[in-house]
Amino acid sequence: MSDQEKLEKILQGAKRAAIAYQELTGKPLGITGEIAECHAAKLLGLQLAVVRTPGYDAIDGKGRRIQIKARRVAANRKGKTQRVGSVKLDYAWDVAMLVLLDDRFEAFAIYEAKRRAIAAALKKPGSNARNVRGALSVSAFKSIGKQIWPTKIVARRKAAPKRKGGKHGALAGQVP
């Protein structure tokens, strides 16, 4: 078994444990960031940085230092304001990525924002969470960044065909 296969097996166990822990206690286990880093590395071909490297979590093929943020978006929290963890501008990094996870800790979207855009958003007057703690909302991060995974091509391939209404339930574009 390769190291990658071993890691996948460990992560699956960690996800199951985190879900069971939250079901039992009502509190999250606190492994969302680590799981998101592993998802981003696997899905985007990133090299994870040495543990506790100040400012960034991974490096891409272009040598960019990437700060990875994560948010688990539970189905019952849709529409409610959720914050991304604190973004530190006093460390060296080039871009930040936000990995969105579903309630089973599976990645469903990754967004990327440039340092300059994040710095401008954090310095905008009006919010202590943003200005003092360096925390953006998920919607703010998405508005200043761009979705980089899944790509539109991948998303289209994975999307189920739409069904037309009617008694035959024909696929959209087909004649019943």
Protein backbone atom coordinates (compact mmCIF):
# COMPACT_ATOMS: atom_id res chain seq x y z
CA MET A 1 0.00 0.00 0.00
CA SER A 2 1.37 3.41 -1.01
CA ASP A 3 1.68 6.34 1.39
CA GLN A 4 -1.18 8.07 -0.47
CA GLU A 5 -3.41 5.02 -0.02
CA LYS A 6 -2.50 4.88 3.67
CA LEU A 7 -3.33 8.56 4.05
CA GLU A 8 -6.70 8.09 2.31
CA LYS A 9 -7.53 5.22 4.68
CA ILE A 10 -6.56 7.30 7.75
CA LEU A 11 -8.61 10.29 6.52
CA GLN A 12 -11.69 8.13 5.96
CA GLY A 13 -11.39 6.86 9.54
CA ALA A 14 -10.87 10.39 10.85
CA LYS A 15 -13.96 11.61 8.99
CA ARG A 16 -16.07 8.79 10.45
CA ALA A 17 -14.73 9.54 13.94
CA ALA A 18 -15.42 13.28 13.59
CA ILE A 19 -18.98 12.66 12.42
CA ALA A 20 -19.64 10.19 15.25
CA TYR A 21 -18.09 12.57 17.80
CA GLN A 22 -20.31 15.45 16.67
CA GLU A 23 -23.42 13.25 16.66
CA LEU A 24 -22.63 12.15 20.22
CA THR A 25 -21.49 15.46 21.74
CA GLY A 26 -22.99 18.11 19.46
CA LYS A 27 -19.51 19.64 19.09
CA PRO A 28 -17.10 19.46 16.14
CA LEU A 29 -13.89 17.48 16.58
CA GLY A 30 -11.69 20.18 15.03
CA ILE A 31 -10.05 18.38 12.12
CA THR A 32 -11.70 20.33 9.30
CA GLY A 33 -8.51 22.22 8.37
CA GLU A 34 -6.35 19.13 8.10
CA ILE A 35 -8.93 17.31 5.99
CA ALA A 36 -9.31 20.35 3.71
CA GLU A 37 -5.54 20.61 3.24
CA CYS A 38 -5.38 16.96 2.17
CA HIS A 39 -8.32 17.39 -0.22
CA ALA A 40 -6.73 20.49 -1.79
CA ALA A 41 -3.36 18.75 -2.16
CA LYS A 42 -4.89 15.71 -3.82
CA LEU A 43 -7.38 17.53 -6.06
CA LEU A 44 -5.04 20.33 -7.19
CA GLY A 45 -1.64 18.60 -7.10
CA LEU A 46 -0.27 20.77 -4.29
CA GLN A 47 2.75 19.95 -2.14
CA LEU A 48 1.88 20.33 1.53
CA ALA A 49 4.33 22.50 3.49
CA VAL A 50 6.17 21.29 6.57
CA VAL A 51 3.85 21.28 9.58
CA ARG A 52 3.50 24.69 11.28
CA THR A 53 5.18 26.63 8.46
CA PRO A 54 4.29 30.26 9.27
CA GLY A 55 1.85 31.76 6.78
CA TYR A 56 1.18 29.00 4.29
CA ASP A 57 0.09 25.39 4.10
CA ALA A 58 1.08 24.29 0.59
CA ILE A 59 3.02 25.18 -2.54
CA ASP A 60 1.73 24.75 -6.08
CA GLY A 61 3.61 23.88 -9.26
CA LYS A 62 4.33 27.57 -9.90
CA GLY A 63 6.00 27.94 -6.49
CA ARG A 64 3.15 30.01 -5.04
CA ARG A 65 2.73 29.82 -1.25
CA ILE A 66 -0.87 28.95 -0.47
CA GLN A 67 -2.76 29.56 2.75
CA ILE A 68 -5.57 26.99 2.92
CA LYS A 69 -8.78 27.81 4.76
CA ALA A 70 -11.68 25.45 5.30
CA ARG A 71 -15.34 25.63 6.11
CA ARG A 72 -17.70 22.75 6.68
CA VAL A 73 -21.07 23.85 5.37
CA ALA A 74 -23.82 21.76 6.91
CA ALA A 75 -27.12 21.49 5.03
CA ASN A 76 -29.02 23.06 7.96
CA ARG A 77 -26.73 26.15 7.88
CA LYS A 78 -27.46 27.15 4.27
CA GLY A 79 -28.19 30.84 4.01
CA LYS A 80 -26.63 31.68 7.38
CA THR A 81 -23.47 33.75 7.61
CA GLN A 82 -20.42 31.61 8.11
CA ARG A 83 -16.89 32.87 8.64
CA VAL A 84 -13.58 31.67 7.29
CA GLY A 85 -10.78 31.25 9.80
CA SER A 86 -8.45 34.15 10.48
CA VAL A 87 -6.23 35.23 7.58
CA LYS A 88 -2.86 36.56 8.77
CA LEU A 89 -1.38 39.28 6.58
CA ASP A 90 1.84 39.52 8.59
CA TYR A 91 3.19 36.26 7.11
CA ALA A 92 4.50 35.55 3.62
CA TRP A 93 1.98 33.88 1.30
CA ASP A 94 0.74 34.50 -2.23
CA VAL A 95 -2.83 33.22 -2.48
CA ALA A 96 -5.44 31.78 -0.16
CA MET A 97 -7.76 28.93 -0.96
CA LEU A 98 -11.08 28.20 0.67
CA VAL A 99 -12.06 24.53 0.65
CA LEU A 100 -15.77 24.02 1.25
CA LEU A 101 -16.70 20.67 2.78
CA ASP A 102 -20.11 19.07 3.12
CA ASP A 103 -21.42 17.54 6.33
CA ARG A 104 -19.55 14.27 5.50
CA PHE A 105 -16.22 16.18 5.15
CA GLU A 106 -16.14 15.77 1.37
CA ALA A 107 -14.90 18.74 -0.68
CA PHE A 108 -17.51 20.19 -3.00
CA ALA A 109 -15.83 23.46 -4.03
CA ILE A 110 -12.47 25.24 -3.81
CA TYR A 111 -12.08 29.00 -4.25
CA GLU A 112 -8.85 30.96 -4.69
CA ALA A 113 -8.26 34.63 -3.88
CA LYS A 114 -5.11 36.70 -4.36
CA ARG A 115 -3.39 38.24 -1.36
CA ARG A 116 -4.02 41.79 -2.59
CA ALA A 117 -7.80 41.22 -2.84
CA ILE A 118 -7.94 39.65 0.62
CA ALA A 119 -5.88 42.47 2.16
CA ALA A 120 -8.21 45.07 0.63
CA ALA A 121 -11.30 43.25 1.91
CA LEU A 122 -9.85 42.85 5.42
CA LYS A 123 -8.91 46.53 5.64
CA LYS A 124 -12.32 47.78 4.49
CA PRO A 125 -13.90 49.71 7.38
CA GLY A 126 -16.94 48.44 9.21
CA SER A 127 -16.47 45.03 10.82
CA ASN A 128 -14.43 44.03 13.89
CA ALA A 129 -14.47 40.37 12.80
CA ARG A 130 -12.94 41.43 9.51
CA ASN A 131 -10.66 44.27 10.64
CA VAL A 132 -9.38 42.97 13.98
CA ARG A 133 -9.54 39.20 13.68
CA GLY A 134 -8.90 38.96 9.92
CA ALA A 135 -12.00 36.85 9.36
CA LEU A 136 -13.99 37.09 6.14
CA SER A 137 -17.39 35.55 5.57
CA VAL A 138 -17.60 32.65 3.15
CA SER A 139 -19.66 34.81 0.77
CA ALA A 140 -17.07 37.64 0.92
CA PHE A 141 -14.24 35.20 0.13
CA LYS A 142 -16.21 33.80 -2.79
CA SER A 143 -16.96 37.29 -4.13
CA ILE A 144 -13.28 38.36 -4.22
CA GLY A 145 -11.97 35.00 -5.42
CA LYS A 146 -12.78 32.56 -8.16
CA GLN A 147 -13.88 28.96 -8.06
CA ILE A 148 -11.01 26.74 -9.20
CA TRP A 149 -12.48 23.32 -8.41
CA PRO A 150 -14.53 21.71 -9.69
CA THR A 151 -13.93 23.30 -13.04
CA LYS A 152 -16.97 23.98 -15.19
CA ILE A 153 -16.09 21.05 -17.45
CA VAL A 154 -15.84 18.62 -14.53
CA ALA A 155 -19.02 19.99 -12.96
CA ARG A 156 -20.93 19.58 -16.24
CA ARG A 157 -19.78 15.97 -16.62
CA LYS A 158 -20.83 15.12 -13.08
CA ALA A 159 -24.21 16.85 -13.30
CA ALA A 160 -27.13 14.50 -13.76
CA PRO A 161 -29.25 15.09 -16.84
CA LYS A 162 -32.25 17.30 -16.17
CA ARG A 163 -35.67 15.72 -16.53
CA LYS A 164 -38.56 17.48 -18.16
CA GLY A 165 -41.86 17.55 -16.40
CA GLY A 166 -44.65 15.44 -17.74
CA LYS A 167 -45.78 11.87 -17.50
CA HIS A 168 -42.93 10.39 -19.53
CA GLY A 169 -40.09 12.06 -17.62
CA ALA A 170 -38.02 12.45 -20.79
CA LEU A 171 -34.53 13.89 -20.56
CA ALA A 172 -34.31 17.58 -21.40
CA GLY A 173 -33.88 18.00 -25.14
CA GLN A 174 -35.27 14.54 -25.98
CA VAL A 175 -38.58 13.76 -27.52
CA PRO A 176 -40.65 11.38 -25.36
